[in-house]
Amino acid sequence: MTAQSGDLIASQIGATLPYLRRYARALTGSQSSGDKYALASLEAILSGESDYDSRLSPKVALFRVFHAIWSSSGAPAGEDEDGTSLAAKAQKHLRRLTPNTREALLLHTIEEFSAADTGIIMGVSKSEASELISIAYDEMSRATSGQIMIIEDEAIISMDLEAIVSGMGHSVTGIARTEARALELAAETQADLILSDIQLADNSSGIDAVNNILAKHGDRPVIFITAYPERLLTGEGPEPAFLISKPYTEEQVRSAVSQAMFFSSTETLKV
């Protein structure tokens, strides 16, 4: 790789790296584990040790390198030493899923790759990728259900989110438009998962609301929703493991909720 081509690749990677970190975190369930894989992918590309295919789009090429590393490591699912924590139990469940289905689902829904590009990234055919996505939907829709709190100030969006998660078999504990109302809801009913916007109606912070809830009532999975995901994936501090971009699709919400319900050790933003 020449210096000029290396600079071009570095520039291309820089624009797509935040999305790789998002994907890696959703895949592993934590910021630290996801970022390690993302960093390993970056180092392999810049050192010339990876099969970075410049004929592909930069995002597809980057994710393809990531998957080569992820697959070669055995696509590990971590487990606590005692195996009794909720996170350890979640990972045990993940290991029972059909291999590669979770990766295919995340690539297709959260990162919005086509079935064809998903196949290129994973090293399978378009039809195989489509089948993996279908299997994932079926398996994860039956995996778990629980109670979900929605923190969202836009009425239409909150109603849409409520309809989506209710259709998945979950119960909604309530909808909060402000940080104060979110704290009230948390005190009234324990939610298994929190689905939260970043900026709320009275200019209060969904991030602050979530962190206060977790501090007072204990850890649980969290999904943040934002129109500017790249602002939250800078690598400069603790960041969310689960993140949906606005405008979102129903598939993205369903996938993120199913994924997040597997992990109870979600790391959230602290600002």
C-alpha atoms as a PDB file:
ATOM      1  CA  MET A   1       0.000   0.000   0.000  1.00  0.00           C
ATOM      2  CA  THR A   2       1.466   3.330  -1.087  1.00  0.00           C
ATOM      3  CA  ALA A   3       1.424   6.393   1.164  1.00  0.00           C
ATOM      4  CA  GLN A   4      -1.177   8.007  -1.079  1.00  0.00           C
ATOM      5  CA  SER A   5      -3.476   4.987  -1.116  1.00  0.00           C
ATOM      6  CA  GLY A   6      -2.961   4.599   2.632  1.00  0.00           C
ATOM      7  CA  ASP A   7      -4.059   8.176   3.235  1.00  0.00           C
ATOM      8  CA  LEU A   8      -7.148   7.642   1.065  1.00  0.00           C
ATOM      9  CA  ILE A   9      -8.109   4.457   2.891  1.00  0.00           C
ATOM     10  CA  ALA A  10      -7.567   6.140   6.264  1.00  0.00           C
ATOM     11  CA  SER A  11      -9.860   8.978   5.190  1.00  0.00           C
ATOM     12  CA  GLN A  12     -12.532   6.548   4.029  1.00  0.00           C
ATOM     13  CA  ILE A  13     -12.317   4.515   7.216  1.00  0.00           C
ATOM     14  CA  GLY A  14     -12.569   7.625   9.373  1.00  0.00           C
ATOM     15  CA  ALA A  15     -15.993   8.417   7.947  1.00  0.00           C
ATOM     16  CA  THR A  16     -17.395   4.929   8.591  1.00  0.00           C
ATOM     17  CA  LEU A  17     -15.586   3.951  11.801  1.00  0.00           C
ATOM     18  CA  PRO A  18     -18.310   5.331  14.134  1.00  0.00           C
ATOM     19  CA  TYR A  19     -20.790   2.947  12.556  1.00  0.00           C
ATOM     20  CA  LEU A  20     -18.445  -0.006  12.910  1.00  0.00           C
ATOM     21  CA  ARG A  21     -18.102   0.826  16.611  1.00  0.00           C
ATOM     22  CA  ARG A  22     -21.883   0.949  16.919  1.00  0.00           C
ATOM     23  CA  TYR A  23     -22.223  -2.435  15.251  1.00  0.00           C
ATOM     24  CA  ALA A  24     -19.403  -4.012  17.253  1.00  0.00           C
ATOM     25  CA  ARG A  25     -20.905  -2.810  20.527  1.00  0.00           C
ATOM     26  CA  ALA A  26     -24.342  -4.163  19.685  1.00  0.00           C
ATOM     27  CA  LEU A  27     -22.740  -7.444  18.658  1.00  0.00           C
ATOM     28  CA  THR A  28     -20.714  -7.864  21.852  1.00  0.00           C
ATOM     29  CA  GLY A  29     -23.052  -6.047  24.242  1.00  0.00           C
ATOM     30  CA  SER A  30     -20.453  -3.642  25.587  1.00  0.00           C
ATOM     31  CA  GLN A  31     -18.422  -0.610  24.608  1.00  0.00           C
ATOM     32  CA  SER A  32     -15.063  -2.034  25.665  1.00  0.00           C
ATOM     33  CA  SER A  33     -15.372  -5.372  23.862  1.00  0.00           C
ATOM     34  CA  GLY A  34     -16.811  -3.813  20.732  1.00  0.00           C
ATOM     35  CA  ASP A  35     -14.140  -1.147  20.552  1.00  0.00           C
ATOM     36  CA  LYS A  36     -11.377  -3.752  20.854  1.00  0.00           C
ATOM     37  CA  TYR A  37     -12.612  -5.496  17.727  1.00  0.00           C
ATOM     38  CA  ALA A  38     -13.088  -2.223  15.874  1.00  0.00           C
ATOM     39  CA  LEU A  39      -9.530  -1.170  16.794  1.00  0.00           C
ATOM     40  CA  ALA A  40      -8.121  -4.511  15.701  1.00  0.00           C
ATOM     41  CA  SER A  41      -9.831  -4.070  12.330  1.00  0.00           C
ATOM     42  CA  LEU A  42      -8.423  -0.575  11.914  1.00  0.00           C
ATOM     43  CA  GLU A  43      -4.900  -1.658  12.833  1.00  0.00           C
ATOM     44  CA  ALA A  44      -5.043  -4.606  10.435  1.00  0.00           C
ATOM     45  CA  ILE A  45      -6.088  -2.356   7.549  1.00  0.00           C
ATOM     46  CA  LEU A  46      -3.551   0.393   8.188  1.00  0.00           C
ATOM     47  CA  SER A  47      -0.729  -2.121   8.598  1.00  0.00           C
ATOM     48  CA  GLY A  48      -1.634  -3.783   5.313  1.00  0.00           C
ATOM     49  CA  GLU A  49      -2.235  -7.117   7.009  1.00  0.00           C
ATOM     50  CA  SER A  50      -5.920  -7.338   6.104  1.00  0.00           C
ATOM     51  CA  ASP A  51      -7.764  -8.086   2.889  1.00  0.00           C
ATOM     52  CA  TYR A  52      -9.217  -4.591   2.497  1.00  0.00           C
ATOM     53  CA  ASP A  53     -10.925  -4.592  -0.905  1.00  0.00           C
ATOM     54  CA  SER A  54     -10.864  -1.055  -2.301  1.00  0.00           C
ATOM     55  CA  ARG A  55     -13.207  -2.143  -5.099  1.00  0.00           C
ATOM     56  CA  LEU A  56     -16.012  -2.301  -2.543  1.00  0.00           C
ATOM     57  CA  SER A  57     -17.631   0.688  -0.869  1.00  0.00           C
ATOM     58  CA  PRO A  58     -15.532   1.842   2.120  1.00  0.00           C
ATOM     59  CA  LYS A  59     -18.192   0.766   4.621  1.00  0.00           C
ATOM     60  CA  VAL A  60     -18.609  -2.713   3.124  1.00  0.00           C
ATOM     61  CA  ALA A  61     -14.826  -3.141   2.879  1.00  0.00           C
ATOM     62  CA  LEU A  62     -14.318  -2.077   6.513  1.00  0.00           C
ATOM     63  CA  PHE A  63     -17.052  -4.316   7.869  1.00  0.00           C
ATOM     64  CA  ARG A  64     -15.714  -7.211   5.792  1.00  0.00           C
ATOM     65  CA  VAL A  65     -12.321  -6.880   7.464  1.00  0.00           C
ATOM     66  CA  PHE A  66     -14.021  -6.724  10.866  1.00  0.00           C
ATOM     67  CA  HIS A  67     -15.909  -9.930  10.161  1.00  0.00           C
ATOM     68  CA  ALA A  68     -12.789 -11.756   9.089  1.00  0.00           C
ATOM     69  CA  ILE A  69     -11.242 -10.907  12.470  1.00  0.00           C
ATOM     70  CA  TRP A  70     -14.473 -11.600  14.358  1.00  0.00           C
ATOM     71  CA  SER A  71     -14.878 -15.007  12.710  1.00  0.00           C
ATOM     72  CA  SER A  72     -11.241 -15.989  13.177  1.00  0.00           C
ATOM     73  CA  SER A  73     -11.583 -15.329  16.914  1.00  0.00           C
ATOM     74  CA  GLY A  74     -14.545 -17.685  17.067  1.00  0.00           C
ATOM     75  CA  ALA A  75     -17.146 -14.889  17.459  1.00  0.00           C
ATOM     76  CA  PRO A  76     -16.803 -15.222  21.222  1.00  0.00           C
ATOM     77  CA  ALA A  77     -19.529 -14.543  23.758  1.00  0.00           C
ATOM     78  CA  GLY A  78     -18.070 -13.584  27.126  1.00  0.00           C
ATOM     79  CA  GLU A  79     -19.099 -15.198  30.382  1.00  0.00           C
ATOM     80  CA  ASP A  80     -18.581 -14.178  33.999  1.00  0.00           C
ATOM     81  CA  GLU A  81     -16.467 -16.558  36.036  1.00  0.00           C
ATOM     82  CA  ASP A  82     -19.346 -17.627  38.265  1.00  0.00           C
ATOM     83  CA  GLY A  83     -21.798 -17.717  35.343  1.00  0.00           C
ATOM     84  CA  THR A  84     -24.650 -16.444  37.524  1.00  0.00           C
ATOM     85  CA  SER A  85     -25.015 -12.795  36.474  1.00  0.00           C
ATOM     86  CA  LEU A  86     -27.744 -11.726  34.063  1.00  0.00           C
ATOM     87  CA  ALA A  87     -25.081 -10.845  31.500  1.00  0.00           C
ATOM     88  CA  ALA A  88     -23.563 -14.336  31.753  1.00  0.00           C
ATOM     89  CA  LYS A  89     -26.990 -15.944  31.382  1.00  0.00           C
ATOM     90  CA  ALA A  90     -27.689 -13.755  28.379  1.00  0.00           C
ATOM     91  CA  GLN A  91     -24.445 -14.802  26.732  1.00  0.00           C
ATOM     92  CA  LYS A  92     -25.267 -18.439  27.427  1.00  0.00           C
ATOM     93  CA  HIS A  93     -28.535 -17.939  25.578  1.00  0.00           C
ATOM     94  CA  LEU A  94     -26.766 -16.238  22.670  1.00  0.00           C
ATOM     95  CA  ARG A  95     -24.569 -19.276  22.180  1.00  0.00           C
ATOM     96  CA  ARG A  96     -27.728 -21.323  21.552  1.00  0.00           C
ATOM     97  CA  LEU A  97     -28.767 -19.190  18.570  1.00  0.00           C
ATOM     98  CA  THR A  98     -28.112 -20.415  15.052  1.00  0.00           C
ATOM     99  CA  PRO A  99     -24.538 -19.357  14.144  1.00  0.00           C
ATOM    100  CA  ASN A 100     -24.196 -16.061  12.263  1.00  0.00           C
ATOM    101  CA  THR A 101     -27.886 -15.107  12.507  1.00  0.00           C
ATOM    102  CA  ARG A 102     -27.348 -12.285  14.991  1.00  0.00           C
ATOM    103  CA  GLU A 103     -24.567 -10.782  12.886  1.00  0.00           C
ATOM    104  CA  ALA A 104     -26.722 -10.919   9.744  1.00  0.00           C
ATOM    105  CA  LEU A 105     -29.670  -9.313  11.515  1.00  0.00           C
ATOM    106  CA  LEU A 106     -27.615  -6.437  12.879  1.00  0.00           C
ATOM    107  CA  LEU A 107     -25.887  -5.780   9.576  1.00  0.00           C
ATOM    108  CA  HIS A 108     -29.200  -5.703   7.725  1.00  0.00           C
ATOM    109  CA  THR A 109     -31.297  -3.748  10.208  1.00  0.00           C
ATOM    110  CA  ILE A 110     -29.079  -1.494  12.302  1.00  0.00           C
ATOM    111  CA  GLU A 111     -26.455  -0.769   9.635  1.00  0.00           C
ATOM    112  CA  GLU A 112     -28.930  -1.021   6.727  1.00  0.00           C
ATOM    113  CA  PHE A 113     -26.808  -3.213   4.489  1.00  0.00           C
ATOM    114  CA  SER A 114     -28.656  -5.025   1.722  1.00  0.00           C
ATOM    115  CA  ALA A 115     -28.793  -8.822   1.831  1.00  0.00           C
ATOM    116  CA  ALA A 116     -26.210  -8.839  -0.961  1.00  0.00           C
ATOM    117  CA  ASP A 117     -23.778  -6.592   0.944  1.00  0.00           C
ATOM    118  CA  THR A 118     -24.437  -8.543   4.148  1.00  0.00           C
ATOM    119  CA  GLY A 119     -23.383 -11.658   2.260  1.00  0.00           C
ATOM    120  CA  ILE A 120     -20.200  -9.986   1.001  1.00  0.00           C
ATOM    121  CA  ILE A 121     -19.301  -8.870   4.517  1.00  0.00           C
ATOM    122  CA  MET A 122     -19.955 -12.287   6.026  1.00  0.00           C
ATOM    123  CA  GLY A 123     -18.517 -14.284   3.139  1.00  0.00           C
ATOM    124  CA  VAL A 124     -21.774 -15.985   2.154  1.00  0.00           C
ATOM    125  CA  SER A 125     -24.168 -15.711  -0.775  1.00  0.00           C
ATOM    126  CA  LYS A 126     -27.056 -13.246  -0.945  1.00  0.00           C
ATOM    127  CA  SER A 127     -29.576 -16.059  -0.490  1.00  0.00           C
ATOM    128  CA  GLU A 128     -27.695 -17.428   2.528  1.00  0.00           C
ATOM    129  CA  ALA A 129     -27.613 -13.955   4.079  1.00  0.00           C
ATOM    130  CA  SER A 130     -31.372 -13.559   3.525  1.00  0.00           C
ATOM    131  CA  GLU A 131     -31.993 -16.921   5.175  1.00  0.00           C
ATOM    132  CA  LEU A 132     -29.835 -15.999   8.183  1.00  0.00           C
ATOM    133  CA  ILE A 133     -31.786 -12.760   8.601  1.00  0.00           C
ATOM    134  CA  SER A 134     -35.117 -14.622   8.501  1.00  0.00           C
ATOM    135  CA  ILE A 135     -33.933 -17.192  11.036  1.00  0.00           C
ATOM    136  CA  ALA A 136     -32.697 -14.424  13.336  1.00  0.00           C
ATOM    137  CA  TYR A 137     -36.067 -12.673  13.292  1.00  0.00           C
ATOM    138  CA  ASP A 138     -37.827 -15.897  14.200  1.00  0.00           C
ATOM    139  CA  GLU A 139     -35.430 -16.955  16.943  1.00  0.00           C
ATOM    140  CA  MET A 140     -35.061 -13.576  18.602  1.00  0.00           C
ATOM    141  CA  SER A 141     -38.773 -12.766  18.514  1.00  0.00           C
ATOM    142  CA  ARG A 142     -39.319 -15.868  20.647  1.00  0.00           C
ATOM    143  CA  ALA A 143     -36.292 -15.316  22.866  1.00  0.00           C
ATOM    144  CA  THR A 144     -37.576 -13.015  25.573  1.00  0.00           C
ATOM    145  CA  SER A 145     -40.184 -10.451  26.535  1.00  0.00           C
ATOM    146  CA  GLY A 146     -40.398  -7.876  29.282  1.00  0.00           C
ATOM    147  CA  GLN A 147     -41.411  -4.418  30.380  1.00  0.00           C
ATOM    148  CA  ILE A 148     -40.070  -1.397  28.514  1.00  0.00           C
ATOM    149  CA  MET A 149     -40.011   2.274  29.469  1.00  0.00           C
ATOM    150  CA  ILE A 150     -40.080   4.811  26.645  1.00  0.00           C
ATOM    151  CA  ILE A 151     -38.490   8.244  27.138  1.00  0.00           C
ATOM    152  CA  GLU A 152     -39.486  10.333  24.112  1.00  0.00           C
ATOM    153  CA  ASP A 153     -40.950  13.810  23.810  1.00  0.00           C
ATOM    154  CA  GLU A 154     -42.420  13.556  20.298  1.00  0.00           C
ATOM    155  CA  ALA A 155     -45.934  12.098  20.547  1.00  0.00           C
ATOM    156  CA  ILE A 156     -45.995  10.475  17.118  1.00  0.00           C
ATOM    157  CA  ILE A 157     -42.629   8.796  17.656  1.00  0.00           C
ATOM    158  CA  SER A 158     -43.497   7.602  21.168  1.00  0.00           C
ATOM    159  CA  MET A 159     -46.775   6.112  19.911  1.00  0.00           C
ATOM    160  CA  ASP A 160     -44.929   4.398  17.072  1.00  0.00           C
ATOM    161  CA  LEU A 161     -42.316   2.963  19.433  1.00  0.00           C
ATOM    162  CA  GLU A 162     -45.033   1.759  21.776  1.00  0.00           C
ATOM    163  CA  ALA A 163     -46.812  -0.005  18.914  1.00  0.00           C
ATOM    164  CA  ILE A 164     -43.614  -1.667  17.730  1.00  0.00           C
ATOM    165  CA  VAL A 165     -42.503  -3.036  21.097  1.00  0.00           C
ATOM    166  CA  SER A 166     -46.048  -4.048  22.047  1.00  0.00           C
ATOM    167  CA  GLY A 167     -46.282  -5.931  18.773  1.00  0.00           C
ATOM    168  CA  MET A 168     -43.148  -7.817  19.794  1.00  0.00           C
ATOM    169  CA  GLY A 169     -44.877  -9.047  22.926  1.00  0.00           C
ATOM    170  CA  HIS A 170     -43.389  -6.532  25.374  1.00  0.00           C
ATOM    171  CA  SER A 171     -45.331  -4.374  27.843  1.00  0.00           C
ATOM    172  CA  VAL A 172     -44.781  -0.612  28.036  1.00  0.00           C
ATOM    173  CA  THR A 173     -44.524   0.717  31.592  1.00  0.00           C
ATOM    174  CA  GLY A 174     -45.160   4.271  30.421  1.00  0.00           C
ATOM    175  CA  ILE A 175     -43.994   7.121  28.217  1.00  0.00           C
ATOM    176  CA  ALA A 176     -42.016  10.047  29.636  1.00  0.00           C
ATOM    177  CA  ARG A 177     -41.561  13.365  27.813  1.00  0.00           C
ATOM    178  CA  THR A 178     -39.169  14.840  30.402  1.00  0.00           C
ATOM    179  CA  GLU A 179     -36.412  13.698  32.726  1.00  0.00           C
ATOM    180  CA  ALA A 180     -38.608  14.370  35.768  1.00  0.00           C
ATOM    181  CA  ARG A 181     -41.415  12.183  34.437  1.00  0.00           C
ATOM    182  CA  ALA A 182     -38.952   9.428  33.554  1.00  0.00           C
ATOM    183  CA  LEU A 183     -37.711   9.350  37.146  1.00  0.00           C
ATOM    184  CA  GLU A 184     -41.311   9.152  38.379  1.00  0.00           C
ATOM    185  CA  LEU A 185     -42.081   6.244  36.053  1.00  0.00           C
ATOM    186  CA  ALA A 186     -38.957   4.404  37.149  1.00  0.00           C
ATOM    187  CA  ALA A 187     -40.045   4.695  40.778  1.00  0.00           C
ATOM    188  CA  GLU A 188     -43.525   3.389  39.950  1.00  0.00           C
ATOM    189  CA  THR A 189     -42.602   0.335  37.862  1.00  0.00           C
ATOM    190  CA  GLN A 190     -39.306  -1.442  37.253  1.00  0.00           C
ATOM    191  CA  ALA A 191     -38.627  -1.665  33.523  1.00  0.00           C
ATOM    192  CA  ASP A 192     -36.505  -4.429  32.022  1.00  0.00           C
ATOM    193  CA  LEU A 193     -35.305  -2.105  29.250  1.00  0.00           C
ATOM    194  CA  ILE A 194     -35.266   1.653  28.602  1.00  0.00           C
ATOM    195  CA  LEU A 195     -35.767   3.120  25.131  1.00  0.00           C
ATOM    196  CA  SER A 196     -34.715   6.770  25.296  1.00  0.00           C
ATOM    197  CA  ASP A 197     -34.372   9.855  23.130  1.00  0.00           C
ATOM    198  CA  ILE A 198     -31.413  12.141  23.839  1.00  0.00           C
ATOM    199  CA  GLN A 199     -33.045  15.585  23.866  1.00  0.00           C
ATOM    200  CA  LEU A 200     -36.374  15.895  25.702  1.00  0.00           C
ATOM    201  CA  ALA A 201     -39.312  18.341  25.668  1.00  0.00           C
ATOM    202  CA  ASP A 202     -38.158  20.777  28.350  1.00  0.00           C
ATOM    203  CA  ASN A 203     -34.541  20.661  27.141  1.00  0.00           C
ATOM    204  CA  SER A 204     -33.776  18.078  29.782  1.00  0.00           C
ATOM    205  CA  SER A 205     -31.480  15.204  28.884  1.00  0.00           C
ATOM    206  CA  GLY A 206     -32.503  11.641  28.177  1.00  0.00           C
ATOM    207  CA  ILE A 207     -28.933  10.640  28.961  1.00  0.00           C
ATOM    208  CA  ASP A 208     -29.158  12.224  32.428  1.00  0.00           C
ATOM    209  CA  ALA A 209     -32.544  10.606  32.997  1.00  0.00           C
ATOM    210  CA  VAL A 210     -31.202   7.167  32.130  1.00  0.00           C
ATOM    211  CA  ASN A 211     -28.064   7.514  34.229  1.00  0.00           C
ATOM    212  CA  ASN A 212     -30.100   8.687  37.245  1.00  0.00           C
ATOM    213  CA  ILE A 213     -32.486   5.752  36.836  1.00  0.00           C
ATOM    214  CA  LEU A 214     -29.660   3.233  36.609  1.00  0.00           C
ATOM    215  CA  ALA A 215     -27.893   4.752  39.609  1.00  0.00           C
ATOM    216  CA  LYS A 216     -31.019   4.528  41.739  1.00  0.00           C
ATOM    217  CA  HIS A 217     -32.697   1.375  40.467  1.00  0.00           C
ATOM    218  CA  GLY A 218     -29.846  -0.738  39.077  1.00  0.00           C
ATOM    219  CA  ASP A 219     -28.468  -1.640  35.668  1.00  0.00           C
ATOM    220  CA  ARG A 220     -30.659  -2.715  32.772  1.00  0.00           C
ATOM    221  CA  PRO A 221     -30.345  -2.592  28.980  1.00  0.00           C
ATOM    222  CA  VAL A 222     -30.702   0.852  27.375  1.00  0.00           C
ATOM    223  CA  ILE A 223     -31.243   1.878  23.767  1.00  0.00           C
ATOM    224  CA  PHE A 224     -30.637   5.512  22.835  1.00  0.00           C
ATOM    225  CA  ILE A 225     -32.267   7.156  19.816  1.00  0.00           C
ATOM    226  CA  THR A 226     -30.710  10.169  18.095  1.00  0.00           C
ATOM    227  CA  ALA A 227     -30.633  11.950  14.762  1.00  0.00           C
ATOM    228  CA  TYR A 228     -26.862  12.398  15.115  1.00  0.00           C
ATOM    229  CA  PRO A 229     -25.291   9.042  16.106  1.00  0.00           C
ATOM    230  CA  GLU A 230     -21.809  10.106  15.007  1.00  0.00           C
ATOM    231  CA  ARG A 231     -21.803  12.733  17.783  1.00  0.00           C
ATOM    232  CA  LEU A 232     -22.196   9.987  20.366  1.00  0.00           C
ATOM    233  CA  LEU A 233     -19.614   7.611  18.912  1.00  0.00           C
ATOM    234  CA  THR A 234     -16.442   9.631  19.202  1.00  0.00           C
ATOM    235  CA  GLY A 235     -14.480   7.158  21.325  1.00  0.00           C
ATOM    236  CA  GLU A 236     -13.676   9.940  23.802  1.00  0.00           C
ATOM    237  CA  GLY A 237     -15.530   8.470  26.777  1.00  0.00           C
ATOM    238  CA  PRO A 238     -18.239   6.038  27.901  1.00  0.00           C
ATOM    239  CA  GLU A 239     -20.758   5.612  25.102  1.00  0.00           C
ATOM    240  CA  PRO A 240     -23.950   3.612  24.556  1.00  0.00           C
ATOM    241  CA  ALA A 241     -23.726   0.005  23.448  1.00  0.00           C
ATOM    242  CA  PHE A 242     -27.111   0.252  21.713  1.00  0.00           C
ATOM    243  CA  LEU A 243     -27.929   3.179  19.473  1.00  0.00           C
ATOM    244  CA  ILE A 244     -30.634   3.790  16.838  1.00  0.00           C
ATOM    245  CA  SER A 245     -30.447   6.601  14.293  1.00  0.00           C
ATOM    246  CA  LYS A 246     -33.391   8.843  13.461  1.00  0.00           C
ATOM    247  CA  PRO A 247     -35.276   8.413  11.233  1.00  0.00           C
ATOM    248  CA  TYR A 248     -35.441   4.741  12.192  1.00  0.00           C
ATOM    249  CA  THR A 249     -37.233   1.782  10.663  1.00  0.00           C
ATOM    250  CA  GLU A 250     -39.400  -0.772  12.455  1.00  0.00           C
ATOM    251  CA  GLU A 251     -36.789  -3.416  11.649  1.00  0.00           C
ATOM    252  CA  GLN A 252     -34.106  -1.379  13.407  1.00  0.00           C
ATOM    253  CA  VAL A 253     -36.176  -0.979  16.552  1.00  0.00           C
ATOM    254  CA  ARG A 254     -37.143  -4.645  16.635  1.00  0.00           C
ATOM    255  CA  SER A 255     -33.553  -5.742  16.155  1.00  0.00           C
ATOM    256  CA  ALA A 256     -32.108  -3.362  18.743  1.00  0.00           C
ATOM    257  CA  VAL A 257     -34.733  -4.251  21.343  1.00  0.00           C
ATOM    258  CA  SER A 258     -34.173  -7.976  20.819  1.00  0.00           C
ATOM    259  CA  GLN A 259     -30.417  -7.518  21.065  1.00  0.00           C
ATOM    260  CA  ALA A 260     -30.514  -5.250  24.100  1.00  0.00           C
ATOM    261  CA  MET A 261     -32.791  -7.560  26.052  1.00  0.00           C
ATOM    262  CA  PHE A 262     -29.963 -10.104  25.996  1.00  0.00           C
ATOM    263  CA  PHE A 263     -27.594  -7.819  27.844  1.00  0.00           C
ATOM    264  CA  SER A 264     -28.103  -6.379  31.308  1.00  0.00           C
ATOM    265  CA  SER A 265     -24.672  -4.774  31.625  1.00  0.00           C
ATOM    266  CA  THR A 266     -25.330  -2.004  29.087  1.00  0.00           C
ATOM    267  CA  GLU A 267     -22.838   0.856  29.369  1.00  0.00           C
ATOM    268  CA  THR A 268     -24.451   4.284  29.073  1.00  0.00           C
ATOM    269  CA  LEU A 269     -23.271   7.775  28.389  1.00  0.00           C
ATOM    270  CA  LYS A 270     -22.248  10.003  31.262  1.00  0.00           C
ATOM    271  CA  VAL A 271     -21.904  13.674  30.396  1.00  0.00           C
END
